[in-house]
Amino acid sequence: MCIKVEGATPMLDTKSITWKKPHTNMLKLNADGSCKGNHGEAASGGILRDHNGDMRMSFYSYYGISTNNNAKVNALLKGLQWCVANHLDNVIIETDSMTLVNWIKSTSKGTWTIRSELEQIINLLEKGNYQVKHFYREANCIADIMANIRAKENKEFFFTDATLLPKQVKAAVRIDQDQLPNL
């Protein structure tokens, strides 16, 4: 049975998505991975910011041919390793991969190709007050930019000076600091 509805307009549910600053005495790590094709050129990127939205650290890494899940897992691992090595233990970690969040929070430890990295993440999470959360990719703009900029370079680099960031990353940091939505 088919019913024809005349003059109906579809209802759209829209949300304004913005990056949220962490509370005072907390830091926020946003991490993302990028893969051009699934089994393609893979890279990761991330940024660690304080309660003012100021960058404390940002990074990118290139992995060669890999998968999207591998790039995302390694992005979170790289950022978390930096936090632990620098004794930063009050950190909210955000990723736009619900799959990754579920793997970390459940007994299912992902595919065999990333199991070792997931186990490292879980062990590192026990070393401090780390919270892993899912959030919308629209609020993950900077980590996404870092991963995509460097997807073509066979390099790994950590920034601790915001003046050295690529121009488009500096602009995105300012948008996030002002709590504006990324379009």
C-alpha atoms as a PDB file:
ATOM      1  CA  MET A   1       0.000   0.000   0.000  1.00  0.00           C
ATOM      2  CA  CYS A   2       1.340   3.420  -0.932  1.00  0.00           C
ATOM      3  CA  ILE A   3       0.004   6.694   0.418  1.00  0.00           C
ATOM      4  CA  LYS A   4       0.644   9.936  -1.427  1.00  0.00           C
ATOM      5  CA  VAL A   5       1.117  12.974   0.793  1.00  0.00           C
ATOM      6  CA  GLU A   6       0.768  16.274  -1.024  1.00  0.00           C
ATOM      7  CA  GLY A   7       2.485  19.420   0.123  1.00  0.00           C
ATOM      8  CA  ALA A   8       4.582  17.620   2.736  1.00  0.00           C
ATOM      9  CA  THR A   9       8.045  18.923   3.457  1.00  0.00           C
ATOM     10  CA  PRO A  10      10.695  16.772   5.059  1.00  0.00           C
ATOM     11  CA  MET A  11      11.773  17.661   8.584  1.00  0.00           C
ATOM     12  CA  LEU A  12      15.492  18.146   9.030  1.00  0.00           C
ATOM     13  CA  ASP A  13      17.088  17.894  12.430  1.00  0.00           C
ATOM     14  CA  THR A  14      20.113  20.175  12.456  1.00  0.00           C
ATOM     15  CA  LYS A  15      22.683  20.661  15.165  1.00  0.00           C
ATOM     16  CA  SER A  16      25.384  23.245  15.532  1.00  0.00           C
ATOM     17  CA  ILE A  17      28.576  21.315  16.245  1.00  0.00           C
ATOM     18  CA  THR A  18      31.442  23.113  17.965  1.00  0.00           C
ATOM     19  CA  TRP A  19      34.596  22.018  19.734  1.00  0.00           C
ATOM     20  CA  LYS A  20      34.170  22.437  23.491  1.00  0.00           C
ATOM     21  CA  LYS A  21      36.975  23.672  25.734  1.00  0.00           C
ATOM     22  CA  PRO A  22      37.927  21.374  28.628  1.00  0.00           C
ATOM     23  CA  HIS A  23      37.431  22.473  32.223  1.00  0.00           C
ATOM     24  CA  THR A  24      40.237  24.235  34.087  1.00  0.00           C
ATOM     25  CA  ASN A  25      43.040  21.814  35.052  1.00  0.00           C
ATOM     26  CA  MET A  26      42.053  19.488  32.207  1.00  0.00           C
ATOM     27  CA  LEU A  27      43.480  19.115  28.722  1.00  0.00           C
ATOM     28  CA  LYS A  28      41.751  17.846  25.613  1.00  0.00           C
ATOM     29  CA  LEU A  29      43.371  15.653  22.971  1.00  0.00           C
ATOM     30  CA  ASN A  30      41.642  15.411  19.607  1.00  0.00           C
ATOM     31  CA  ALA A  31      43.010  12.677  17.360  1.00  0.00           C
ATOM     32  CA  ASP A  32      42.124  11.511  13.865  1.00  0.00           C
ATOM     33  CA  GLY A  33      43.396   9.226  11.157  1.00  0.00           C
ATOM     34  CA  SER A  34      43.101   9.547   7.416  1.00  0.00           C
ATOM     35  CA  CYS A  35      43.377   6.959   4.694  1.00  0.00           C
ATOM     36  CA  LYS A  36      43.126   7.631   0.967  1.00  0.00           C
ATOM     37  CA  GLY A  37      41.280   4.437   0.070  1.00  0.00           C
ATOM     38  CA  ASN A  38      40.954   1.584   2.531  1.00  0.00           C
ATOM     39  CA  HIS A  39      44.341   0.136   2.112  1.00  0.00           C
ATOM     40  CA  GLY A  40      45.768   3.385   0.923  1.00  0.00           C
ATOM     41  CA  GLU A  41      48.079   6.213   1.981  1.00  0.00           C
ATOM     42  CA  ALA A  42      47.483   6.620   5.721  1.00  0.00           C
ATOM     43  CA  ALA A  43      48.352   9.352   8.196  1.00  0.00           C
ATOM     44  CA  SER A  44      47.259  10.584  11.588  1.00  0.00           C
ATOM     45  CA  GLY A  45      47.081  13.920  13.300  1.00  0.00           C
ATOM     46  CA  GLY A  46      46.148  15.340  16.636  1.00  0.00           C
ATOM     47  CA  ILE A  47      46.134  18.366  18.869  1.00  0.00           C
ATOM     48  CA  LEU A  48      46.283  18.786  22.649  1.00  0.00           C
ATOM     49  CA  ARG A  49      44.712  21.967  24.064  1.00  0.00           C
ATOM     50  CA  ASP A  50      44.116  23.552  27.439  1.00  0.00           C
ATOM     51  CA  HIS A  51      40.999  25.153  28.965  1.00  0.00           C
ATOM     52  CA  ASN A  52      41.593  28.343  26.945  1.00  0.00           C
ATOM     53  CA  GLY A  53      41.800  26.387  23.703  1.00  0.00           C
ATOM     54  CA  ASP A  54      45.531  27.111  23.433  1.00  0.00           C
ATOM     55  CA  MET A  55      47.636  24.420  21.787  1.00  0.00           C
ATOM     56  CA  ARG A  56      50.027  22.533  24.044  1.00  0.00           C
ATOM     57  CA  MET A  57      51.081  20.055  21.355  1.00  0.00           C
ATOM     58  CA  SER A  58      50.097  18.974  17.876  1.00  0.00           C
ATOM     59  CA  PHE A  59      51.400  16.168  15.684  1.00  0.00           C
ATOM     60  CA  TYR A  60      51.176  14.329  12.427  1.00  0.00           C
ATOM     61  CA  SER A  61      52.461  10.920  11.376  1.00  0.00           C
ATOM     62  CA  TYR A  62      52.594   9.090   8.083  1.00  0.00           C
ATOM     63  CA  TYR A  63      52.107   5.296   7.965  1.00  0.00           C
ATOM     64  CA  GLY A  64      52.399   4.371   4.299  1.00  0.00           C
ATOM     65  CA  ILE A  65      49.796   1.939   2.995  1.00  0.00           C
ATOM     66  CA  SER A  66      47.345   1.025   5.735  1.00  0.00           C
ATOM     67  CA  THR A  67      43.676   1.140   6.732  1.00  0.00           C
ATOM     68  CA  ASN A  68      41.468   3.878   8.134  1.00  0.00           C
ATOM     69  CA  ASN A  69      41.034   2.044  11.454  1.00  0.00           C
ATOM     70  CA  ASN A  70      44.798   1.609  11.784  1.00  0.00           C
ATOM     71  CA  ALA A  71      45.349   5.336  11.184  1.00  0.00           C
ATOM     72  CA  LYS A  72      42.715   6.293  13.787  1.00  0.00           C
ATOM     73  CA  VAL A  73      44.062   3.860  16.403  1.00  0.00           C
ATOM     74  CA  ASN A  74      47.611   5.098  15.853  1.00  0.00           C
ATOM     75  CA  ALA A  75      46.511   8.741  16.086  1.00  0.00           C
ATOM     76  CA  LEU A  76      45.022   8.143  19.526  1.00  0.00           C
ATOM     77  CA  LEU A  77      48.042   6.077  20.590  1.00  0.00           C
ATOM     78  CA  LYS A  78      50.580   8.742  19.474  1.00  0.00           C
ATOM     79  CA  GLY A  79      48.764  11.507  21.324  1.00  0.00           C
ATOM     80  CA  LEU A  80      48.299   9.419  24.464  1.00  0.00           C
ATOM     81  CA  GLN A  81      51.960   8.346  24.463  1.00  0.00           C
ATOM     82  CA  TRP A  82      53.004  12.013  24.307  1.00  0.00           C
ATOM     83  CA  CYS A  83      50.712  12.881  27.226  1.00  0.00           C
ATOM     84  CA  VAL A  84      52.060  10.042  29.387  1.00  0.00           C
ATOM     85  CA  ALA A  85      55.698  10.834  28.498  1.00  0.00           C
ATOM     86  CA  ASN A  86      55.136  14.470  29.495  1.00  0.00           C
ATOM     87  CA  HIS A  87      53.295  13.609  32.732  1.00  0.00           C
ATOM     88  CA  LEU A  88      49.992  15.107  31.571  1.00  0.00           C
ATOM     89  CA  ASP A  89      47.406  12.910  33.211  1.00  0.00           C
ATOM     90  CA  ASN A  90      44.137  14.881  33.287  1.00  0.00           C
ATOM     91  CA  VAL A  91      43.154  14.533  29.655  1.00  0.00           C
ATOM     92  CA  ILE A  92      39.900  14.111  27.780  1.00  0.00           C
ATOM     93  CA  ILE A  93      40.600  12.219  24.563  1.00  0.00           C
ATOM     94  CA  GLU A  94      38.151  12.697  21.710  1.00  0.00           C
ATOM     95  CA  THR A  95      37.890  10.724  18.499  1.00  0.00           C
ATOM     96  CA  ASP A  96      35.238  10.694  15.813  1.00  0.00           C
ATOM     97  CA  SER A  97      35.491   6.896  15.568  1.00  0.00           C
ATOM     98  CA  MET A  98      32.723   5.260  17.596  1.00  0.00           C
ATOM     99  CA  THR A  99      34.231   1.919  16.591  1.00  0.00           C
ATOM    100  CA  LEU A 100      37.502   2.851  18.286  1.00  0.00           C
ATOM    101  CA  VAL A 101      35.726   4.065  21.434  1.00  0.00           C
ATOM    102  CA  ASN A 102      33.766   0.796  21.585  1.00  0.00           C
ATOM    103  CA  TRP A 103      36.927  -1.293  21.132  1.00  0.00           C
ATOM    104  CA  ILE A 104      38.622   0.558  24.000  1.00  0.00           C
ATOM    105  CA  LYS A 105      35.635   0.295  26.350  1.00  0.00           C
ATOM    106  CA  SER A 106      34.681  -3.322  25.610  1.00  0.00           C
ATOM    107  CA  THR A 107      36.250  -6.742  25.791  1.00  0.00           C
ATOM    108  CA  SER A 108      36.257  -6.937  21.983  1.00  0.00           C
ATOM    109  CA  LYS A 109      39.729  -5.772  21.049  1.00  0.00           C
ATOM    110  CA  GLY A 110      39.323  -5.091  17.344  1.00  0.00           C
ATOM    111  CA  THR A 111      40.945  -6.898  14.488  1.00  0.00           C
ATOM    112  CA  TRP A 112      44.240  -8.728  14.844  1.00  0.00           C
ATOM    113  CA  THR A 113      46.013  -6.032  12.798  1.00  0.00           C
ATOM    114  CA  ILE A 114      45.466  -3.394  15.506  1.00  0.00           C
ATOM    115  CA  ARG A 115      45.174  -5.503  18.654  1.00  0.00           C
ATOM    116  CA  SER A 116      48.681  -4.633  19.872  1.00  0.00           C
ATOM    117  CA  GLU A 117      48.015  -0.887  19.535  1.00  0.00           C
ATOM    118  CA  LEU A 118      44.670  -1.203  21.331  1.00  0.00           C
ATOM    119  CA  GLU A 119      46.332  -3.067  24.202  1.00  0.00           C
ATOM    120  CA  GLN A 120      48.960  -0.301  24.444  1.00  0.00           C
ATOM    121  CA  ILE A 121      46.193   2.326  24.569  1.00  0.00           C
ATOM    122  CA  ILE A 122      44.336   0.457  27.313  1.00  0.00           C
ATOM    123  CA  ASN A 123      47.538   0.083  29.373  1.00  0.00           C
ATOM    124  CA  LEU A 124      48.400   3.781  28.965  1.00  0.00           C
ATOM    125  CA  LEU A 125      44.876   4.856  29.961  1.00  0.00           C
ATOM    126  CA  GLU A 126      45.475   3.276  33.377  1.00  0.00           C
ATOM    127  CA  LYS A 127      48.399   5.653  34.036  1.00  0.00           C
ATOM    128  CA  GLY A 128      46.272   8.738  34.629  1.00  0.00           C
ATOM    129  CA  ASN A 129      42.872  10.391  34.587  1.00  0.00           C
ATOM    130  CA  TYR A 130      42.158   9.801  30.906  1.00  0.00           C
ATOM    131  CA  GLN A 131      38.649   9.783  29.466  1.00  0.00           C
ATOM    132  CA  VAL A 132      38.022   8.529  25.932  1.00  0.00           C
ATOM    133  CA  LYS A 133      34.939   9.982  24.267  1.00  0.00           C
ATOM    134  CA  HIS A 134      33.260   9.966  20.899  1.00  0.00           C
ATOM    135  CA  PHE A 135      32.314  13.238  19.266  1.00  0.00           C
ATOM    136  CA  TYR A 136      31.165  14.456  15.883  1.00  0.00           C
ATOM    137  CA  ARG A 137      33.756  14.734  13.127  1.00  0.00           C
ATOM    138  CA  GLU A 138      32.712  18.343  12.511  1.00  0.00           C
ATOM    139  CA  ALA A 139      34.284  19.212  15.877  1.00  0.00           C
ATOM    140  CA  ASN A 140      37.476  17.353  14.967  1.00  0.00           C
ATOM    141  CA  CYS A 141      38.573  19.748  12.263  1.00  0.00           C
ATOM    142  CA  ILE A 142      42.161  20.347  13.384  1.00  0.00           C
ATOM    143  CA  ALA A 143      43.127  16.698  13.843  1.00  0.00           C
ATOM    144  CA  ASP A 144      41.545  15.953  10.462  1.00  0.00           C
ATOM    145  CA  ILE A 145      43.478  18.787   8.784  1.00  0.00           C
ATOM    146  CA  MET A 146      46.756  17.595  10.335  1.00  0.00           C
ATOM    147  CA  ALA A 147      46.171  14.027   9.152  1.00  0.00           C
ATOM    148  CA  ASN A 148      45.211  15.084   5.629  1.00  0.00           C
ATOM    149  CA  ILE A 149      47.995  17.651   5.167  1.00  0.00           C
ATOM    150  CA  ARG A 150      50.634  15.108   5.994  1.00  0.00           C
ATOM    151  CA  ALA A 151      49.109  12.091   4.274  1.00  0.00           C
ATOM    152  CA  LYS A 152      51.534  12.589   1.382  1.00  0.00           C
ATOM    153  CA  GLU A 153      54.700  13.004   3.434  1.00  0.00           C
ATOM    154  CA  ASN A 154      56.745  10.207   4.921  1.00  0.00           C
ATOM    155  CA  LYS A 155      57.302  12.090   8.184  1.00  0.00           C
ATOM    156  CA  GLU A 156      56.388  12.325  11.815  1.00  0.00           C
ATOM    157  CA  PHE A 157      56.464  15.693  13.537  1.00  0.00           C
ATOM    158  CA  PHE A 158      55.401  17.102  16.896  1.00  0.00           C
ATOM    159  CA  PHE A 159      54.689  20.824  17.320  1.00  0.00           C
ATOM    160  CA  THR A 160      54.910  22.509  20.708  1.00  0.00           C
ATOM    161  CA  ASP A 161      55.023  26.050  19.301  1.00  0.00           C
ATOM    162  CA  ALA A 162      51.697  27.187  17.813  1.00  0.00           C
ATOM    163  CA  THR A 163      53.440  29.748  15.598  1.00  0.00           C
ATOM    164  CA  LEU A 164      54.915  26.876  13.572  1.00  0.00           C
ATOM    165  CA  LEU A 165      51.547  25.317  12.717  1.00  0.00           C
ATOM    166  CA  PRO A 166      50.342  25.376   9.096  1.00  0.00           C
ATOM    167  CA  LYS A 167      48.151  28.424   8.323  1.00  0.00           C
ATOM    168  CA  GLN A 168      44.920  26.459   7.938  1.00  0.00           C
ATOM    169  CA  VAL A 169      45.503  24.821  11.334  1.00  0.00           C
ATOM    170  CA  LYS A 170      46.104  28.202  12.997  1.00  0.00           C
ATOM    171  CA  ALA A 171      42.806  29.446  11.543  1.00  0.00           C
ATOM    172  CA  ALA A 172      40.953  26.351  12.770  1.00  0.00           C
ATOM    173  CA  VAL A 173      42.448  26.751  16.271  1.00  0.00           C
ATOM    174  CA  ARG A 174      41.096  30.308  16.394  1.00  0.00           C
ATOM    175  CA  ILE A 175      37.629  29.153  15.260  1.00  0.00           C
ATOM    176  CA  ASP A 176      37.603  26.537  18.030  1.00  0.00           C
ATOM    177  CA  GLN A 177      38.846  29.025  20.656  1.00  0.00           C
ATOM    178  CA  ASP A 178      35.972  31.335  19.733  1.00  0.00           C
ATOM    179  CA  GLN A 179      33.581  28.349  20.025  1.00  0.00           C
ATOM    180  CA  LEU A 180      32.334  28.832  16.455  1.00  0.00           C
ATOM    181  CA  PRO A 181      30.983  25.933  14.394  1.00  0.00           C
ATOM    182  CA  ASN A 182      33.194  24.532  11.640  1.00  0.00           C
ATOM    183  CA  LEU A 183      31.460  24.721   8.295  1.00  0.00           C
END
